[in-house]
């Protein structure tokens, strides 16, 4: 690659970094980089043609484009699956219970990774299984941070009363009430809500945009997660989700 080509690539990267905090007009980008306006304008034009930046026709400001977010989203998904196993294994070592990574699939939660503990009695094998959003800790953790309209749409795919035991929120209004408390706490807990005798704790995983993209959760028989053992488990689950979020570039 020639020196001129390297300079062009470097300039393009500098322009993208300058637009990271928010939209700017050409002059503002040039000023931020200490470059000539015509030089920056040419770079922006090339980036716009490739979809890496977009220009607002009214304000004439440039912002990061769809192509950049598409690449970042793909990389985030790949990094999630690469970084999750050691985080889950650490959670198993800390709590001695199975740990899982769950994502949203349509209007349900699906477990995509699991790290088993050495215990004889364990929760069901969840990998690949769809679970309700309303009565599982991972399902509600996946809803944390989402707009109410989106939550309503996801829950509307199933008729009320929703799934679960009498302990579970089984209407949309009840789920929204529970979510308000769980969002403030930063985690979800389901105590015998999906089935009797099962306790689960989950925390959301965020990507570089701050969006919820997954949930880290543990589940165990209720006698192994009694009330006095739940606070340490909550701390460990939140810590695991935070570490995984940081690996994805979450703010």
Foldseek 3Di string as FASTA:
>chain_A
DDPVVVVLVVLLVLLQVLQVVHWDALVVSCVVVVHDSVSSVVSVVVCVVVQQWHADPPVRTIHGGPVVVVVLVVVLVVLLVVPQPVLQVVLCVVQVFKKFKWFDDQLWIATQDIDGGPDPDHDDDGHGHTHHLFQAFFSLQLVQPPDLVVLCVSVVVDDPQQAWDPQTRRDSVSSVVQSVVCNVVQKGWHACTNHDQKIKIKGFAAAQVRHGGIIMMTMGGCVSCDPVNVVVSNVSRSVSSVVSNVSRNHD
